[in-house]
PDB file of N, CA and C in Angstrom:
ATOM      1  N   MET A   1      20.101  64.478 -23.413  1.00  0.00           N
ATOM      2  CA  MET A   1      21.117  63.677 -23.769  1.00  0.00           C
ATOM      3  C   MET A   1      20.740  62.698 -24.883  1.00  0.00           C
ATOM      4  N   SER A   2      21.377  62.506 -25.933  1.00  0.00           N
ATOM      5  CA  SER A   2      20.909  61.803 -26.943  1.00  0.00           C
ATOM      6  C   SER A   2      22.020  60.598 -27.216  1.00  0.00           C
ATOM      7  N   VAL A   3      21.604  59.502 -26.995  1.00  0.00           N
ATOM      8  CA  VAL A   3      22.627  58.323 -27.125  1.00  0.00           C
ATOM      9  C   VAL A   3      21.911  57.363 -28.357  1.00  0.00           C
ATOM     10  N   SER A   4      22.686  57.215 -29.451  1.00  0.00           N
ATOM     11  CA  SER A   4      22.293  56.341 -30.550  1.00  0.00           C
ATOM     12  C   SER A   4      22.621  54.816 -30.093  1.00  0.00           C
ATOM     13  N   GLY A   5      21.521  54.134 -30.541  1.00  0.00           N
ATOM     14  CA  GLY A   5      21.704  52.540 -30.251  1.00  0.00           C
ATOM     15  C   GLY A   5      21.401  52.061 -28.906  1.00  0.00           C
ATOM     16  N   GLY A   6      20.696  53.047 -28.004  1.00  0.00           N
ATOM     17  CA  GLY A   6      20.377  52.670 -26.794  1.00  0.00           C
ATOM     18  C   GLY A   6      21.036  53.293 -25.536  1.00  0.00           C
ATOM     19  N   ILE A   7      20.645  53.090 -24.350  1.00  0.00           N
ATOM     20  CA  ILE A   7      21.290  53.851 -23.280  1.00  0.00           C
ATOM     21  C   ILE A   7      22.007  53.008 -22.368  1.00  0.00           C
ATOM     22  N   GLY A   8      22.145  51.693 -22.742  1.00  0.00           N
ATOM     23  CA  GLY A   8      22.900  50.696 -21.874  1.00  0.00           C
ATOM     24  C   GLY A   8      24.231  51.203 -21.446  1.00  0.00           C
ATOM     25  N   LEU A   9      25.234  51.474 -22.313  1.00  0.00           N
ATOM     26  CA  LEU A   9      26.573  51.898 -22.147  1.00  0.00           C
ATOM     27  C   LEU A   9      26.462  53.295 -21.521  1.00  0.00           C
ATOM     28  N   ALA A  10      25.606  54.130 -21.740  1.00  0.00           N
ATOM     29  CA  ALA A  10      25.545  55.441 -20.945  1.00  0.00           C
ATOM     30  C   ALA A  10      25.280  55.294 -19.604  1.00  0.00           C
ATOM     31  N   VAL A  11      24.331  54.545 -19.355  1.00  0.00           N
ATOM     32  CA  VAL A  11      23.946  54.115 -17.943  1.00  0.00           C
ATOM     33  C   VAL A  11      25.107  53.608 -17.076  1.00  0.00           C
ATOM     34  N   LEU A  12      25.640  52.506 -17.780  1.00  0.00           N
ATOM     35  CA  LEU A  12      26.794  51.901 -17.181  1.00  0.00           C
ATOM     36  C   LEU A  12      27.965  52.901 -16.903  1.00  0.00           C
ATOM     37  N   LYS A  13      28.326  53.560 -17.848  1.00  0.00           N
ATOM     38  CA  LYS A  13      29.426  54.712 -17.620  1.00  0.00           C
ATOM     39  C   LYS A  13      29.228  55.472 -16.582  1.00  0.00           C
ATOM     40  N   GLU A  14      27.739  56.026 -16.409  1.00  0.00           N
ATOM     41  CA  GLU A  14      27.319  56.896 -15.397  1.00  0.00           C
ATOM     42  C   GLU A  14      27.462  56.249 -14.038  1.00  0.00           C
ATOM     43  N   PHE A  15      27.181  54.975 -13.928  1.00  0.00           N
ATOM     44  CA  PHE A  15      27.302  54.233 -12.762  1.00  0.00           C
ATOM     45  C   PHE A  15      28.659  54.072 -12.243  1.00  0.00           C
ATOM     46  N   ILE A  16      29.583  53.789 -13.232  1.00  0.00           N
ATOM     47  CA  ILE A  16      30.971  53.618 -13.003  1.00  0.00           C
ATOM     48  C   ILE A  16      31.522  54.855 -12.521  1.00  0.00           C
ATOM     49  N   GLU A  17      31.191  56.031 -12.916  1.00  0.00           N
ATOM     50  CA  GLU A  17      31.788  57.320 -12.670  1.00  0.00           C
ATOM     51  C   GLU A  17      31.340  57.532 -11.162  1.00  0.00           C
ATOM     52  N   LEU A  18      29.997  57.338 -10.731  1.00  0.00           N
ATOM     53  CA  LEU A  18      29.651  57.415  -9.403  1.00  0.00           C
ATOM     54  C   LEU A  18      30.298  56.538  -8.551  1.00  0.00           C
ATOM     55  N   ASN A  19      30.476  55.386  -8.849  1.00  0.00           N
ATOM     56  CA  ASN A  19      30.856  54.357  -8.022  1.00  0.00           C
ATOM     57  C   ASN A  19      32.333  54.280  -7.849  1.00  0.00           C
ATOM     58  N   LYS A  20      32.962  55.040  -8.772  1.00  0.00           N
ATOM     59  CA  LYS A  20      34.597  55.147  -8.958  1.00  0.00           C
ATOM     60  C   LYS A  20      35.107  53.723  -9.262  1.00  0.00           C
ATOM     61  N   GLY A  21      34.474  53.135 -10.162  1.00  0.00           N
ATOM     62  CA  GLY A  21      34.804  51.947 -10.719  1.00  0.00           C
ATOM     63  C   GLY A  21      35.791  51.906 -12.018  1.00  0.00           C
ATOM     64  N   LYS A  22      35.514  50.858 -12.777  1.00  0.00           N
ATOM     65  CA  LYS A  22      36.490  51.076 -14.180  1.00  0.00           C
ATOM     66  C   LYS A  22      35.809  50.014 -15.210  1.00  0.00           C
ATOM     67  N   MET A  23      35.857  50.549 -16.401  1.00  0.00           N
ATOM     68  CA  MET A  23      35.405  49.762 -17.689  1.00  0.00           C
ATOM     69  C   MET A  23      36.570  49.739 -18.559  1.00  0.00           C
ATOM     70  N   GLN A  24      36.964  48.359 -19.122  1.00  0.00           N
ATOM     71  CA  GLN A  24      37.798  48.390 -20.149  1.00  0.00           C
ATOM     72  C   GLN A  24      37.181  47.411 -21.182  1.00  0.00           C
ATOM     73  N   ILE A  25      37.459  47.747 -22.454  1.00  0.00           N
ATOM     74  CA  ILE A  25      36.904  47.168 -23.495  1.00  0.00           C
ATOM     75  C   ILE A  25      38.108  46.997 -24.547  1.00  0.00           C
ATOM     76  N   VAL A  26      38.200  45.747 -24.967  1.00  0.00           N
ATOM     77  CA  VAL A  26      39.218  45.272 -25.924  1.00  0.00           C
ATOM     78  C   VAL A  26      38.520  44.752 -26.998  1.00  0.00           C
ATOM     79  N   SER A  27      38.677  45.262 -28.253  1.00  0.00           N
ATOM     80  CA  SER A  27      37.893  44.719 -29.496  1.00  0.00           C
ATOM     81  C   SER A  27      38.665  45.048 -30.619  1.00  0.00           C
ATOM     82  N   SER A  28      38.772  44.013 -31.657  1.00  0.00           N
ATOM     83  CA  SER A  28      39.528  44.207 -32.905  1.00  0.00           C
ATOM     84  C   SER A  28      40.851  44.634 -32.541  1.00  0.00           C
ATOM     85  N   ASP A  29      41.070  46.067 -32.994  1.00  0.00           N
ATOM     86  CA  ASP A  29      42.514  46.466 -32.725  1.00  0.00           C
ATOM     87  C   ASP A  29      42.598  47.665 -31.800  1.00  0.00           C
ATOM     88  N   GLY A  30      41.499  47.673 -31.023  1.00  0.00           N
ATOM     89  CA  GLY A  30      41.464  48.975 -29.982  1.00  0.00           C
ATOM     90  C   GLY A  30      41.205  48.608 -28.547  1.00  0.00           C
ATOM     91  N   PHE A  31      41.703  49.511 -27.774  1.00  0.00           N
ATOM     92  CA  PHE A  31      41.438  49.408 -26.320  1.00  0.00           C
ATOM     93  C   PHE A  31      40.823  50.604 -25.755  1.00  0.00           C
ATOM     94  N   TYR A  32      39.835  50.582 -24.970  1.00  0.00           N
ATOM     95  CA  TYR A  32      39.113  51.711 -24.405  1.00  0.00           C
ATOM     96  C   TYR A  32      39.014  51.373 -22.786  1.00  0.00           C
ATOM     97  N   GLN A  33      39.389  52.524 -22.270  1.00  0.00           N
ATOM     98  CA  GLN A  33      39.172  52.440 -20.681  1.00  0.00           C
ATOM     99  C   GLN A  33      38.607  53.805 -20.139  1.00  0.00           C
ATOM    100  N   PHE A  34      37.667  53.582 -19.191  1.00  0.00           N
ATOM    101  CA  PHE A  34      37.099  54.535 -18.500  1.00  0.00           C
ATOM    102  C   PHE A  34      37.092  54.258 -16.978  1.00  0.00           C
ATOM    103  N   ASP A  35      37.649  55.243 -16.201  1.00  0.00           N
ATOM    104  CA  ASP A  35      37.808  55.144 -14.774  1.00  0.00           C
ATOM    105  C   ASP A  35      37.801  56.593 -14.106  1.00  0.00           C
ATOM    106  N   ASP A  36      37.981  56.536 -12.918  1.00  0.00           N
ATOM    107  CA  ASP A  36      38.047  58.053 -12.227  1.00  0.00           C
ATOM    108  C   ASP A  36      39.240  59.051 -12.755  1.00  0.00           C
ATOM    109  N   GLN A  37      39.990  58.536 -13.654  1.00  0.00           N
ATOM    110  CA  GLN A  37      41.104  59.204 -14.272  1.00  0.00           C
ATOM    111  C   GLN A  37      40.615  59.733 -15.688  1.00  0.00           C
ATOM    112  N   GLY A  38      39.520  59.398 -16.191  1.00  0.00           N
ATOM    113  CA  GLY A  38      38.951  59.880 -17.394  1.00  0.00           C
ATOM    114  C   GLY A  38      38.983  58.503 -18.491  1.00  0.00           C
ATOM    115  N   GLU A  39      38.989  59.039 -19.757  1.00  0.00           N
ATOM    116  CA  GLU A  39      38.860  58.051 -20.844  1.00  0.00           C
ATOM    117  C   GLU A  39      40.329  57.924 -21.440  1.00  0.00           C
ATOM    118  N   GLN A  40      40.673  56.562 -21.686  1.00  0.00           N
ATOM    119  CA  GLN A  40      41.893  56.251 -22.365  1.00  0.00           C
ATOM    120  C   GLN A  40      41.591  55.327 -23.491  1.00  0.00           C
ATOM    121  N   THR A  41      42.415  55.660 -24.716  1.00  0.00           N
ATOM    122  CA  THR A  41      42.104  54.699 -25.685  1.00  0.00           C
ATOM    123  C   THR A  41      43.644  54.468 -26.301  1.00  0.00           C
ATOM    124  N   SER A  42      43.759  53.313 -26.960  1.00  0.00           N
ATOM    125  CA  SER A  42      44.845  52.941 -27.700  1.00  0.00           C
ATOM    126  C   SER A  42      44.575  52.051 -28.812  1.00  0.00           C
ATOM    127  N   GLN A  43      45.538  51.985 -29.791  1.00  0.00           N
ATOM    128  CA  GLN A  43      45.279  50.963 -30.882  1.00  0.00           C
ATOM    129  C   GLN A  43      46.485  50.030 -30.942  1.00  0.00           C
ATOM    130  N   PHE A  44      46.070  48.835 -31.289  1.00  0.00           N
ATOM    131  CA  PHE A  44      46.980  47.729 -31.391  1.00  0.00           C
ATOM    132  C   PHE A  44      47.645  47.581 -32.983  1.00  0.00           C
ATOM    133  N   VAL A  45      48.724  47.195 -32.859  1.00  0.00           N
ATOM    134  CA  VAL A  45      49.307  46.920 -34.345  1.00  0.00           C
ATOM    135  C   VAL A  45      48.493  45.789 -34.975  1.00  0.00           C
ATOM    136  N   GLY A  46      48.453  44.721 -34.259  1.00  0.00           N
ATOM    137  CA  GLY A  46      47.672  43.517 -34.807  1.00  0.00           C
ATOM    138  C   GLY A  46      46.043  43.609 -34.425  1.00  0.00           C
ATOM    139  N   GLN A  47      45.386  42.429 -34.490  1.00  0.00           N
ATOM    140  CA  GLN A  47      43.932  42.376 -34.313  1.00  0.00           C
ATOM    141  C   GLN A  47      43.666  41.418 -33.367  1.00  0.00           C
ATOM    142  N   PHE A  48      42.854  41.675 -32.302  1.00  0.00           N
ATOM    143  CA  PHE A  48      42.242  40.674 -31.400  1.00  0.00           C
ATOM    144  C   PHE A  48      40.933  40.230 -32.083  1.00  0.00           C
ATOM    145  N   PRO A  49      40.920  38.775 -32.104  1.00  0.00           N
ATOM    146  CA  PRO A  49      39.653  38.295 -32.796  1.00  0.00           C
ATOM    147  C   PRO A  49      38.440  38.115 -31.995  1.00  0.00           C
ATOM    148  N   GLY A  50      38.069  39.040 -31.379  1.00  0.00           N
ATOM    149  CA  GLY A  50      36.803  39.059 -30.421  1.00  0.00           C
ATOM    150  C   GLY A  50      36.790  40.303 -29.648  1.00  0.00           C
ATOM    151  N   THR A  51      36.019  40.160 -28.505  1.00  0.00           N
ATOM    152  CA  THR A  51      35.696  41.344 -27.633  1.00  0.00           C
ATOM    153  C   THR A  51      35.701  41.049 -26.202  1.00  0.00           C
ATOM    154  N   ILE A  52      36.541  41.705 -25.337  1.00  0.00           N
ATOM    155  CA  ILE A  52      36.608  41.375 -24.051  1.00  0.00           C
ATOM    156  C   ILE A  52      36.011  42.669 -23.332  1.00  0.00           C
ATOM    157  N   VAL A  53      35.111  42.589 -22.267  1.00  0.00           N
ATOM    158  CA  VAL A  53      34.610  43.813 -21.605  1.00  0.00           C
ATOM    159  C   VAL A  53      35.049  43.309 -20.087  1.00  0.00           C
ATOM    160  N   ASN A  54      35.728  44.274 -19.325  1.00  0.00           N
ATOM    161  CA  ASN A  54      36.010  43.988 -17.931  1.00  0.00           C
ATOM    162  C   ASN A  54      35.591  45.187 -17.418  1.00  0.00           C
ATOM    163  N   LEU A  55      34.494  44.836 -16.177  1.00  0.00           N
ATOM    164  CA  LEU A  55      33.860  45.773 -15.533  1.00  0.00           C
ATOM    165  C   LEU A  55      34.311  45.621 -13.941  1.00  0.00           C
ATOM    166  N   GLN A  56      34.736  46.823 -13.372  1.00  0.00           N
ATOM    167  CA  GLN A  56      35.205  46.810 -11.997  1.00  0.00           C
ATOM    168  C   GLN A  56      34.259  47.653 -11.181  1.00  0.00           C
ATOM    169  N   PHE A  57      33.702  47.150 -10.195  1.00  0.00           N
ATOM    170  CA  PHE A  57      32.649  48.020  -9.206  1.00  0.00           C
ATOM    171  C   PHE A  57      33.309  47.800  -7.819  1.00  0.00           C
ATOM    172  N   LYS A  58      33.011  48.955  -7.201  1.00  0.00           N
ATOM    173  CA  LYS A  58      33.429  49.037  -5.643  1.00  0.00           C
ATOM    174  C   LYS A  58      32.132  48.328  -4.950  1.00  0.00           C
ATOM    175  N   THR A  59      32.296  47.167  -4.520  1.00  0.00           N
ATOM    176  CA  THR A  59      31.236  46.572  -3.891  1.00  0.00           C
ATOM    177  C   THR A  59      30.807  46.773  -2.530  1.00  0.00           C
ATOM    178  N   ASN A  60      31.996  47.578  -1.834  1.00  0.00           N
ATOM    179  CA  ASN A  60      31.650  47.898  -0.435  1.00  0.00           C
ATOM    180  C   ASN A  60      31.110  49.487  -0.546  1.00  0.00           C
ATOM    181  N   ASP A  61      30.783  49.939  -1.673  1.00  0.00           N
ATOM    182  CA  ASP A  61      30.101  51.240  -1.818  1.00  0.00           C
ATOM    183  C   ASP A  61      28.612  51.132  -1.004  1.00  0.00           C
ATOM    184  N   ILE A  62      28.488  52.154  -0.154  1.00  0.00           N
ATOM    185  CA  ILE A  62      27.259  52.037   0.534  1.00  0.00           C
ATOM    186  C   ILE A  62      26.278  53.096   0.002  1.00  0.00           C
ATOM    187  N   HIS A  63      26.360  53.851  -0.908  1.00  0.00           N
ATOM    188  CA  HIS A  63      25.643  54.993  -1.650  1.00  0.00           C
ATOM    189  C   HIS A  63      24.441  54.300  -2.372  1.00  0.00           C
ATOM    190  N   ASN A  64      23.407  54.853  -2.623  1.00  0.00           N
ATOM    191  CA  ASN A  64      22.276  54.865  -3.462  1.00  0.00           C
ATOM    192  C   ASN A  64      22.321  55.874  -4.536  1.00  0.00           C
ATOM    193  N   TYR A  65      22.231  55.360  -5.843  1.00  0.00           N
ATOM    194  CA  TYR A  65      22.279  56.179  -6.880  1.00  0.00           C
ATOM    195  C   TYR A  65      20.957  56.224  -7.673  1.00  0.00           C
ATOM    196  N   SER A  66      20.635  57.461  -8.207  1.00  0.00           N
ATOM    197  CA  SER A  66      19.416  57.456  -9.196  1.00  0.00           C
ATOM    198  C   SER A  66      20.234  58.072 -10.236  1.00  0.00           C
ATOM    199  N   LEU A  67      20.257  57.290 -11.312  1.00  0.00           N
ATOM    200  CA  LEU A  67      20.969  57.738 -12.614  1.00  0.00           C
ATOM    201  C   LEU A  67      20.014  58.608 -13.500  1.00  0.00           C
ATOM    202  N   LYS A  68      20.640  59.528 -14.283  1.00  0.00           N
ATOM    203  CA  LYS A  68      19.980  60.434 -15.102  1.00  0.00           C
ATOM    204  C   LYS A  68      19.130  59.680 -16.198  1.00  0.00           C
ATOM    205  N   ASN A  69      19.442  58.619 -16.587  1.00  0.00           N
ATOM    206  CA  ASN A  69      18.671  57.986 -17.687  1.00  0.00           C
ATOM    207  C   ASN A  69      17.735  56.830 -17.238  1.00  0.00           C
ATOM    208  N   GLU A  70      17.723  56.678 -15.945  1.00  0.00           N
ATOM    209  CA  GLU A  70      16.545  55.637 -15.428  1.00  0.00           C
ATOM    210  C   GLU A  70      15.256  55.970 -15.793  1.00  0.00           C
ATOM    211  N   ILE A  71      14.444  55.090 -16.001  1.00  0.00           N
ATOM    212  CA  ILE A  71      13.079  55.214 -16.312  1.00  0.00           C
ATOM    213  C   ILE A  71      12.237  55.060 -15.040  1.00  0.00           C
ATOM    214  N   ASP A  72      11.361  56.084 -14.954  1.00  0.00           N
ATOM    215  CA  ASP A  72      10.369  56.067 -13.620  1.00  0.00           C
ATOM    216  C   ASP A  72       9.460  54.936 -14.098  1.00  0.00           C
ATOM    217  N   ILE A  73       9.227  53.913 -13.403  1.00  0.00           N
ATOM    218  CA  ILE A  73       8.335  52.814 -13.541  1.00  0.00           C
ATOM    219  C   ILE A  73       6.947  53.386 -13.547  1.00  0.00           C
ATOM    220  N   ASN A  74       6.771  54.418 -12.745  1.00  0.00           N
ATOM    221  CA  ASN A  74       5.234  54.990 -12.488  1.00  0.00           C
ATOM    222  C   ASN A  74       4.978  55.804 -13.835  1.00  0.00           C
ATOM    223  N   ASP A  75       5.962  56.082 -14.674  1.00  0.00           N
ATOM    224  CA  ASP A  75       5.710  57.017 -15.692  1.00  0.00           C
ATOM    225  C   ASP A  75       6.010  56.374 -17.098  1.00  0.00           C
ATOM    226  N   ILE A  76       5.783  55.177 -17.304  1.00  0.00           N
ATOM    227  CA  ILE A  76       6.038  54.518 -18.429  1.00  0.00           C
ATOM    228  C   ILE A  76       4.672  54.355 -19.432  1.00  0.00           C
ATOM    229  N   PHE A  77       3.634  54.631 -18.951  1.00  0.00           N
ATOM    230  CA  PHE A  77       2.188  54.551 -19.721  1.00  0.00           C
ATOM    231  C   PHE A  77       1.713  55.753 -19.912  1.00  0.00           C
TER     232      PHE A  77
END
């Protein structure tokens, strides 16, 4: 899996998918949402002068996850 600009959003998206959470981003004239229903995008007529990121996690989730992009601390040298 190749992700330009780093793996932060890819790891976050993978965790949200496993946790059945939600991510919403509003920036400029666009809206992006990712949740268990998939990805949704829309475009505004005007522009929002900034960026808002909303993350929703299920904090009562008792599962442990090993994400695909995690770095093995014993294999970094």
